[in-house]
PDB file of N, CA and C in Angstrom:
ATOM      1  N   UNK A   1       0.821  -1.183   0.000  1.00  0.00           N
ATOM      2  CA  UNK A   1       0.000   0.000   0.000  1.00  0.00           C
ATOM      3  C   UNK A   1       0.868   1.251   0.000  1.00  0.00           C
ATOM      4  N   UNK A   2       1.925   1.251   0.764  1.00  0.00           N
ATOM      5  CA  UNK A   2       2.806   2.421   0.817  1.00  0.00           C
ATOM      6  C   UNK A   2       3.393   2.686  -0.565  1.00  0.00           C
ATOM      7  N   UNK A   3       3.770   1.631  -1.251  1.00  0.00           N
ATOM      8  CA  UNK A   3       4.334   1.775  -2.603  1.00  0.00           C
ATOM      9  C   UNK A   3       3.323   2.455  -3.537  1.00  0.00           C
ATOM     10  N   UNK A   4       2.067   2.030  -3.472  1.00  0.00           N
ATOM     11  CA  UNK A   4       1.029   2.640  -4.312  1.00  0.00           C
ATOM     12  C   UNK A   4       0.829   4.108  -3.976  1.00  0.00           C
ATOM     13  N   UNK A   5       0.814   4.415  -2.677  1.00  0.00           N
ATOM     14  CA  UNK A   5       0.592   5.797  -2.270  1.00  0.00           C
ATOM     15  C   UNK A   5       1.782   6.685  -2.623  1.00  0.00           C
ATOM     16  N   UNK A   6       2.974   6.145  -2.532  1.00  0.00           N
ATOM     17  CA  UNK A   6       4.145   6.929  -2.936  1.00  0.00           C
ATOM     18  C   UNK A   6       4.132   7.181  -4.439  1.00  0.00           C
ATOM     19  N   UNK A   7       3.671   6.196  -5.202  1.00  0.00           N
ATOM     20  CA  UNK A   7       3.538   6.385  -6.646  1.00  0.00           C
ATOM     21  C   UNK A   7       2.509   7.474  -6.932  1.00  0.00           C
ATOM     22  N   UNK A   8       1.386   7.446  -6.210  1.00  0.00           N
ATOM     23  CA  UNK A   8       0.355   8.474  -6.372  1.00  0.00           C
ATOM     24  C   UNK A   8       0.910   9.844  -6.007  1.00  0.00           C
ATOM     25  N   UNK A   9       1.700   9.885  -4.955  1.00  0.00           N
ATOM     26  CA  UNK A   9       2.320  11.139  -4.530  1.00  0.00           C
ATOM     27  C   UNK A   9       3.220  11.695  -5.639  1.00  0.00           C
ATOM     28  N   UNK A  10       3.985  10.831  -6.267  1.00  0.00           N
ATOM     29  CA  UNK A  10       4.846  11.253  -7.370  1.00  0.00           C
ATOM     30  C   UNK A  10       4.051  11.768  -8.550  1.00  0.00           C
ATOM     31  N   UNK A  11       2.966  11.055  -8.873  1.00  0.00           N
ATOM     32  CA  UNK A  11       2.099  11.504  -9.972  1.00  0.00           C
ATOM     33  C   UNK A  11       1.485  12.863  -9.644  1.00  0.00           C
ATOM     34  N   UNK A  12       1.070  13.036  -8.392  1.00  0.00           N
ATOM     35  CA  UNK A  12       0.441  14.296  -7.994  1.00  0.00           C
ATOM     36  C   UNK A  12       1.436  15.453  -8.068  1.00  0.00           C
ATOM     37  N   UNK A  13       2.661  15.207  -7.642  1.00  0.00           N
ATOM     38  CA  UNK A  13       3.689  16.245  -7.788  1.00  0.00           C
ATOM     39  C   UNK A  13       3.874  16.607  -9.260  1.00  0.00           C
ATOM     40  N   UNK A  14       3.850  15.590 -10.121  1.00  0.00           N
ATOM     41  CA  UNK A  14       3.982  15.832 -11.559  1.00  0.00           C
ATOM     42  C   UNK A  14       2.836  16.696 -12.080  1.00  0.00           C
ATOM     43  N   UNK A  15       1.634  16.438 -11.570  1.00  0.00           N
ATOM     44  CA  UNK A  15       0.469  17.212 -12.001  1.00  0.00           C
ATOM     45  C   UNK A  15       0.656  18.686 -11.646  1.00  0.00           C
ATOM     46  N   UNK A  16       1.093  18.954 -10.430  1.00  0.00           N
ATOM     47  CA  UNK A  16       1.310  20.337 -10.004  1.00  0.00           C
ATOM     48  C   UNK A  16       2.347  21.012 -10.897  1.00  0.00           C
ATOM     49  N   UNK A  17       3.437  20.313 -11.153  1.00  0.00           N
ATOM     50  CA  UNK A  17       4.485  20.862 -12.022  1.00  0.00           C
ATOM     51  C   UNK A  17       3.958  21.098 -13.437  1.00  0.00           C
ATOM     52  N   UNK A  18       3.149  20.182 -13.929  1.00  0.00           N
ATOM     53  CA  UNK A  18       2.591  20.318 -15.277  1.00  0.00           C
ATOM     54  C   UNK A  18       1.665  21.526 -15.367  1.00  0.00           C
ATOM     55  N   UNK A  19       0.856  21.730 -14.343  1.00  0.00           N
ATOM     56  CA  UNK A  19      -0.054  22.881 -14.326  1.00  0.00           C
ATOM     57  C   UNK A  19       0.750  24.173 -14.292  1.00  0.00           C
ATOM     58  N   UNK A  20       1.768  24.201 -13.427  1.00  0.00           N
ATOM     59  CA  UNK A  20       2.612  25.398 -13.323  1.00  0.00           C
ATOM     60  C   UNK A  20       3.337  25.679 -14.638  1.00  0.00           C
ATOM     61  N   UNK A  21       3.670  24.633 -15.376  1.00  0.00           N
ATOM     62  CA  UNK A  21       4.395  24.796 -16.637  1.00  0.00           C
ATOM     63  C   UNK A  21       3.461  25.050 -17.823  1.00  0.00           C
ATOM     64  N   UNK A  22       2.149  24.985 -17.576  1.00  0.00           N
ATOM     65  CA  UNK A  22       1.194  25.242 -18.646  1.00  0.00           C
ATOM     66  C   UNK A  22       1.082  24.098 -19.651  1.00  0.00           C
ATOM     67  N   UNK A  23       1.287  22.870 -19.195  1.00  0.00           N
ATOM     68  CA  UNK A  23       1.214  21.706 -20.081  1.00  0.00           C
ATOM     69  C   UNK A  23      -0.212  21.501 -20.566  1.00  0.00           C
ATOM     70  N   UNK A  24      -0.385  20.780 -21.664  1.00  0.00           N
ATOM     71  CA  UNK A  24      -1.716  20.540 -22.234  1.00  0.00           C
ATOM     72  C   UNK A  24      -2.648  19.790 -21.270  1.00  0.00           C
ATOM     73  N   UNK A  25      -3.920  20.108 -21.373  1.00  0.00           N
ATOM     74  CA  UNK A  25      -4.938  19.514 -20.494  1.00  0.00           C
ATOM     75  C   UNK A  25      -4.969  17.988 -20.595  1.00  0.00           C
ATOM     76  N   UNK A  26      -4.798  17.445 -21.787  1.00  0.00           N
ATOM     77  CA  UNK A  26      -4.835  15.994 -21.956  1.00  0.00           C
ATOM     78  C   UNK A  26      -3.744  15.325 -21.129  1.00  0.00           C
ATOM     79  N   UNK A  27      -2.553  15.869 -21.152  1.00  0.00           N
ATOM     80  CA  UNK A  27      -1.454  15.293 -20.372  1.00  0.00           C
ATOM     81  C   UNK A  27      -1.740  15.371 -18.879  1.00  0.00           C
ATOM     82  N   UNK A  28      -2.291  16.495 -18.453  1.00  0.00           N
ATOM     83  CA  UNK A  28      -2.627  16.667 -17.034  1.00  0.00           C
ATOM     84  C   UNK A  28      -3.720  15.685 -16.631  1.00  0.00           C
ATOM     85  N   UNK A  29      -4.723  15.524 -17.479  1.00  0.00           N
ATOM     86  CA  UNK A  29      -5.816  14.597 -17.185  1.00  0.00           C
ATOM     87  C   UNK A  29      -5.298  13.161 -17.074  1.00  0.00           C
ATOM     88  N   UNK A  30      -4.353  12.794 -17.924  1.00  0.00           N
ATOM     89  CA  UNK A  30      -3.777  11.451 -17.860  1.00  0.00           C
ATOM     90  C   UNK A  30      -3.052  11.235 -16.534  1.00  0.00           C
ATOM     91  N   UNK A  31      -2.300  12.228 -16.092  1.00  0.00           N
ATOM     92  CA  UNK A  31      -1.603  12.115 -14.808  1.00  0.00           C
ATOM     93  C   UNK A  31      -2.590  12.070 -13.642  1.00  0.00           C
ATOM     94  N   UNK A  32      -3.655  12.868 -13.729  1.00  0.00           N
ATOM     95  CA  UNK A  32      -4.667  12.843 -12.674  1.00  0.00           C
ATOM     96  C   UNK A  32      -5.348  11.474 -12.607  1.00  0.00           C
ATOM     97  N   UNK A  33      -5.566  10.866 -13.759  1.00  0.00           N
ATOM     98  CA  UNK A  33      -6.140   9.523 -13.787  1.00  0.00           C
ATOM     99  C   UNK A  33      -5.214   8.532 -13.089  1.00  0.00           C
ATOM    100  N   UNK A  34      -3.911   8.678 -13.306  1.00  0.00           N
ATOM    101  CA  UNK A  34      -2.943   7.797 -12.651  1.00  0.00           C
ATOM    102  C   UNK A  34      -2.989   7.971 -11.134  1.00  0.00           C
ATOM    103  N   UNK A  35      -3.113   9.214 -10.675  1.00  0.00           N
ATOM    104  CA  UNK A  35      -3.224   9.478  -9.232  1.00  0.00           C
ATOM    105  C   UNK A  35      -4.480   8.805  -8.689  1.00  0.00           C
ATOM    106  N   UNK A  36      -5.585   9.020  -9.363  1.00  0.00           N
ATOM    107  CA  UNK A  36      -6.862   8.462  -8.913  1.00  0.00           C
ATOM    108  C   UNK A  36      -6.811   6.935  -8.859  1.00  0.00           C
ATOM    109  N   UNK A  37      -6.229   6.314  -9.862  1.00  0.00           N
ATOM    110  CA  UNK A  37      -6.119   4.858  -9.907  1.00  0.00           C
ATOM    111  C   UNK A  37      -5.256   4.331  -8.770  1.00  0.00           C
ATOM    112  N   UNK A  38      -4.117   4.968  -8.540  1.00  0.00           N
ATOM    113  CA  UNK A  38      -3.227   4.520  -7.461  1.00  0.00           C
ATOM    114  C   UNK A  38      -3.894   4.644  -6.095  1.00  0.00           C
ATOM    115  N   UNK A  39      -4.593   5.733  -5.856  1.00  0.00           N
ATOM    116  CA  UNK A  39      -5.269   5.923  -4.568  1.00  0.00           C
ATOM    117  C   UNK A  39      -6.406   4.916  -4.412  1.00  0.00           C
ATOM    118  N   UNK A  40      -7.174   4.692  -5.462  1.00  0.00           N
ATOM    119  CA  UNK A  40      -8.273   3.728  -5.400  1.00  0.00           C
ATOM    120  C   UNK A  40      -7.749   2.315  -5.130  1.00  0.00           C
ATOM    121  N   UNK A  41      -6.655   1.963  -5.773  1.00  0.00           N
ATOM    122  CA  UNK A  41      -6.074   0.640  -5.546  1.00  0.00           C
ATOM    123  C   UNK A  41      -5.559   0.498  -4.113  1.00  0.00           C
ATOM    124  N   UNK A  42      -4.967   1.540  -3.583  1.00  0.00           N
ATOM    125  CA  UNK A  42      -4.493   1.506  -2.200  1.00  0.00           C
ATOM    126  C   UNK A  42      -5.673   1.367  -1.238  1.00  0.00           C
ATOM    127  N   UNK A  43      -6.740   2.087  -1.513  1.00  0.00           N
ATOM    128  CA  UNK A  43      -7.935   2.013  -0.658  1.00  0.00           C
ATOM    129  C   UNK A  43      -8.524   0.605  -0.692  1.00  0.00           C
ATOM    130  N   UNK A  44      -8.647   0.045  -1.866  1.00  0.00           N
ATOM    131  CA  UNK A  44      -9.213  -1.292  -2.019  1.00  0.00           C
ATOM    132  C   UNK A  44      -8.346  -2.335  -1.279  1.00  0.00           C
ATOM    133  N   UNK A  45      -7.037  -2.219  -1.424  1.00  0.00           N
ATOM    134  CA  UNK A  45      -6.134  -3.140  -0.741  1.00  0.00           C
ATOM    135  C   UNK A  45      -6.298  -3.024   0.771  1.00  0.00           C
ATOM    136  N   UNK A  46      -6.396  -1.801   1.257  1.00  0.00           N
ATOM    137  CA  UNK A  46      -6.562  -1.572   2.702  1.00  0.00           C
ATOM    138  C   UNK A  46      -7.859  -2.191   3.202  1.00  0.00           C
ATOM    139  N   UNK A  47      -8.943  -2.005   2.457  1.00  0.00           N
ATOM    140  CA  UNK A  47     -10.242  -2.561   2.856  1.00  0.00           C
ATOM    141  C   UNK A  47     -10.180  -4.082   2.869  1.00  0.00           C
ATOM    142  N   UNK A  48      -9.593  -4.671   1.826  1.00  0.00           N
ATOM    143  CA  UNK A  48      -9.490  -6.134   1.768  1.00  0.00           C
ATOM    144  C   UNK A  48      -8.649  -6.670   2.931  1.00  0.00           C
ATOM    145  N   UNK A  49      -7.527  -6.027   3.199  1.00  0.00           N
ATOM    146  CA  UNK A  49      -6.685  -6.464   4.314  1.00  0.00           C
ATOM    147  C   UNK A  49      -7.438  -6.356   5.640  1.00  0.00           C
ATOM    148  N   UNK A  50      -8.151  -5.270   5.798  1.00  0.00           N
ATOM    149  CA  UNK A  50      -8.917  -5.085   7.032  1.00  0.00           C
ATOM    150  C   UNK A  50      -9.967  -6.176   7.175  1.00  0.00           C
ATOM    151  N   UNK A  51     -10.688  -6.446   6.100  1.00  0.00           N
ATOM    152  CA  UNK A  51     -11.708  -7.499   6.160  1.00  0.00           C
ATOM    153  C   UNK A  51     -11.080  -8.828   6.550  1.00  0.00           C
ATOM    154  N   UNK A  52      -9.978  -9.171   5.915  1.00  0.00           N
ATOM    155  CA  UNK A  52      -9.314 -10.433   6.220  1.00  0.00           C
ATOM    156  C   UNK A  52      -8.917 -10.508   7.696  1.00  0.00           C
ATOM    157  N   UNK A  53      -8.231  -9.476   8.194  1.00  0.00           N
ATOM    158  CA  UNK A  53      -7.730  -9.510   9.556  1.00  0.00           C
ATOM    159  C   UNK A  53      -8.844  -9.347  10.585  1.00  0.00           C
ATOM    160  N   UNK A  54      -9.789  -8.479  10.287  1.00  0.00           N
ATOM    161  CA  UNK A  54     -10.889  -8.248  11.225  1.00  0.00           C
ATOM    162  C   UNK A  54     -11.740  -9.509  11.347  1.00  0.00           C
ATOM    163  N   UNK A  55     -12.091 -10.096  10.244  1.00  0.00           N
ATOM    164  CA  UNK A  55     -12.909 -11.304  10.291  1.00  0.00           C
ATOM    165  C   UNK A  55     -12.158 -12.464  10.925  1.00  0.00           C
ATOM    166  N   UNK A  56     -10.878 -12.600  10.608  1.00  0.00           N
ATOM    167  CA  UNK A  56     -10.090 -13.656  11.229  1.00  0.00           C
ATOM    168  C   UNK A  56     -10.042 -13.469  12.742  1.00  0.00           C
ATOM    169  N   UNK A  57      -9.930 -12.229  13.171  1.00  0.00           N
ATOM    170  CA  UNK A  57      -9.870 -11.937  14.601  1.00  0.00           C
ATOM    171  C   UNK A  57     -11.197 -12.273  15.290  1.00  0.00           C
ATOM    172  N   UNK A  58     -12.303 -11.959  14.624  1.00  0.00           N
ATOM    173  CA  UNK A  58     -13.618 -12.149  15.239  1.00  0.00           C
ATOM    174  C   UNK A  58     -14.087 -13.601  15.154  1.00  0.00           C
ATOM    175  N   UNK A  59     -13.962 -14.211  13.978  1.00  0.00           N
ATOM    176  CA  UNK A  59     -14.513 -15.559  13.800  1.00  0.00           C
ATOM    177  C   UNK A  59     -13.449 -16.642  13.687  1.00  0.00           C
ATOM    178  N   UNK A  60     -12.204 -16.245  13.675  1.00  0.00           N
ATOM    179  CA  UNK A  60     -11.127 -17.220  13.521  1.00  0.00           C
ATOM    180  C   UNK A  60     -10.843 -17.459  12.046  1.00  0.00           C
ATOM    181  N   UNK A  61      -9.795 -18.189  11.797  1.00  0.00           N
ATOM    182  CA  UNK A  61      -9.421 -18.485  10.413  1.00  0.00           C
ATOM    183  C   UNK A  61     -10.531 -19.306   9.757  1.00  0.00           C
ATOM    184  N   UNK A  62     -10.869 -18.933   8.525  1.00  0.00           N
ATOM    185  CA  UNK A  62     -11.931 -19.614   7.795  1.00  0.00           C
ATOM    186  C   UNK A  62     -11.290 -20.493   6.721  1.00  0.00           C
ATOM    187  N   UNK A  63     -11.665 -21.775   6.679  1.00  0.00           N
ATOM    188  CA  UNK A  63     -11.107 -22.650   5.640  1.00  0.00           C
ATOM    189  C   UNK A  63     -11.452 -22.125   4.246  1.00  0.00           C
ATOM    190  N   UNK A  64     -10.569 -22.370   3.304  1.00  0.00           N
ATOM    191  CA  UNK A  64     -10.742 -21.865   1.939  1.00  0.00           C
ATOM    192  C   UNK A  64     -12.093 -22.273   1.350  1.00  0.00           C
ATOM    193  N   UNK A  65     -12.535 -23.479   1.629  1.00  0.00           N
ATOM    194  CA  UNK A  65     -13.800 -23.983   1.081  1.00  0.00           C
ATOM    195  C   UNK A  65     -15.012 -23.194   1.579  1.00  0.00           C
ATOM    196  N   UNK A  66     -14.871 -22.497   2.706  1.00  0.00           N
ATOM    197  CA  UNK A  66     -15.996 -21.753   3.295  1.00  0.00           C
ATOM    198  C   UNK A  66     -15.833 -20.250   3.179  1.00  0.00           C
ATOM    199  N   UNK A  67     -14.871 -19.783   2.380  1.00  0.00           N
ATOM    200  CA  UNK A  67     -14.598 -18.350   2.266  1.00  0.00           C
ATOM    201  C   UNK A  67     -15.486 -17.648   1.239  1.00  0.00           C
ATOM    202  N   UNK A  68     -16.430 -18.347   0.631  1.00  0.00           N
ATOM    203  CA  UNK A  68     -17.283 -17.753  -0.401  1.00  0.00           C
ATOM    204  C   UNK A  68     -17.894 -16.414  -0.015  1.00  0.00           C
ATOM    205  N   UNK A  69     -18.592 -16.330   1.113  1.00  0.00           N
ATOM    206  CA  UNK A  69     -19.194 -15.051   1.508  1.00  0.00           C
ATOM    207  C   UNK A  69     -18.155 -13.948   1.742  1.00  0.00           C
ATOM    208  N   UNK A  70     -17.022 -14.316   2.303  1.00  0.00           N
ATOM    209  CA  UNK A  70     -15.969 -13.321   2.522  1.00  0.00           C
ATOM    210  C   UNK A  70     -15.444 -12.813   1.188  1.00  0.00           C
ATOM    211  N   UNK A  71     -15.219 -13.734   0.255  1.00  0.00           N
ATOM    212  CA  UNK A  71     -14.744 -13.337  -1.066  1.00  0.00           C
ATOM    213  C   UNK A  71     -15.764 -12.456  -1.784  1.00  0.00           C
ATOM    214  N   UNK A  72     -17.055 -12.727  -1.574  1.00  0.00           N
ATOM    215  CA  UNK A  72     -18.102 -11.891  -2.170  1.00  0.00           C
ATOM    216  C   UNK A  72     -18.072 -10.478  -1.580  1.00  0.00           C
ATOM    217  N   UNK A  73     -17.889 -10.373  -0.287  1.00  0.00           N
ATOM    218  CA  UNK A  73     -17.803  -9.052   0.347  1.00  0.00           C
ATOM    219  C   UNK A  73     -16.612  -8.292  -0.228  1.00  0.00           C
ATOM    220  N   UNK A  74     -15.473  -8.973  -0.356  1.00  0.00           N
ATOM    221  CA  UNK A  74     -14.296  -8.325  -0.917  1.00  0.00           C
ATOM    222  C   UNK A  74     -14.548  -7.885  -2.357  1.00  0.00           C
ATOM    223  N   UNK A  75     -15.226  -8.724  -3.126  1.00  0.00           N
ATOM    224  CA  UNK A  75     -15.506  -8.384  -4.520  1.00  0.00           C
ATOM    225  C   UNK A  75     -16.417  -7.174  -4.632  1.00  0.00           C
ATOM    226  N   UNK A  76     -17.396  -7.081  -3.766  1.00  0.00           N
ATOM    227  CA  UNK A  76     -18.345  -5.966  -3.854  1.00  0.00           C
ATOM    228  C   UNK A  76     -17.711  -4.648  -3.433  1.00  0.00           C
ATOM    229  N   UNK A  77     -16.629  -4.693  -2.674  1.00  0.00           N
ATOM    230  CA  UNK A  77     -15.983  -3.447  -2.257  1.00  0.00           C
ATOM    231  C   UNK A  77     -15.386  -2.700  -3.432  1.00  0.00           C
ATOM    232  N   UNK A  78     -15.225  -3.319  -4.585  1.00  0.00           N
ATOM    233  CA  UNK A  78     -14.703  -2.587  -5.746  1.00  0.00           C
ATOM    234  C   UNK A  78     -15.685  -1.517  -6.215  1.00  0.00           C
ATOM    235  N   UNK A  79     -16.920  -1.620  -5.754  1.00  0.00           N
ATOM    236  CA  UNK A  79     -17.936  -0.635  -6.130  1.00  0.00           C
ATOM    237  C   UNK A  79     -18.039   0.511  -5.137  1.00  0.00           C
ATOM    238  N   UNK A  80     -17.217   0.510  -4.107  1.00  0.00           N
ATOM    239  CA  UNK A  80     -17.226   1.611  -3.137  1.00  0.00           C
ATOM    240  C   UNK A  80     -16.649   2.870  -3.750  1.00  0.00           C
TER     241      UNK A  80
END
């Protein structure tokens, strides 16, 4: 997650520099998309990790054969 956020930070710095330099809107939009993607991926990873650890803590380790509902919850979080 830290790696993703540092990448987003680098992209965001690039966006600021591009705006200050008067770069074309298309290039700026592409960099902003990269920032948004990196942050969204970091958020999704954090939520999935939390679900895994929180559920394991509350209900104990769940065998792979019975993880269907947990996997469904993780899958639906992509729509957050």
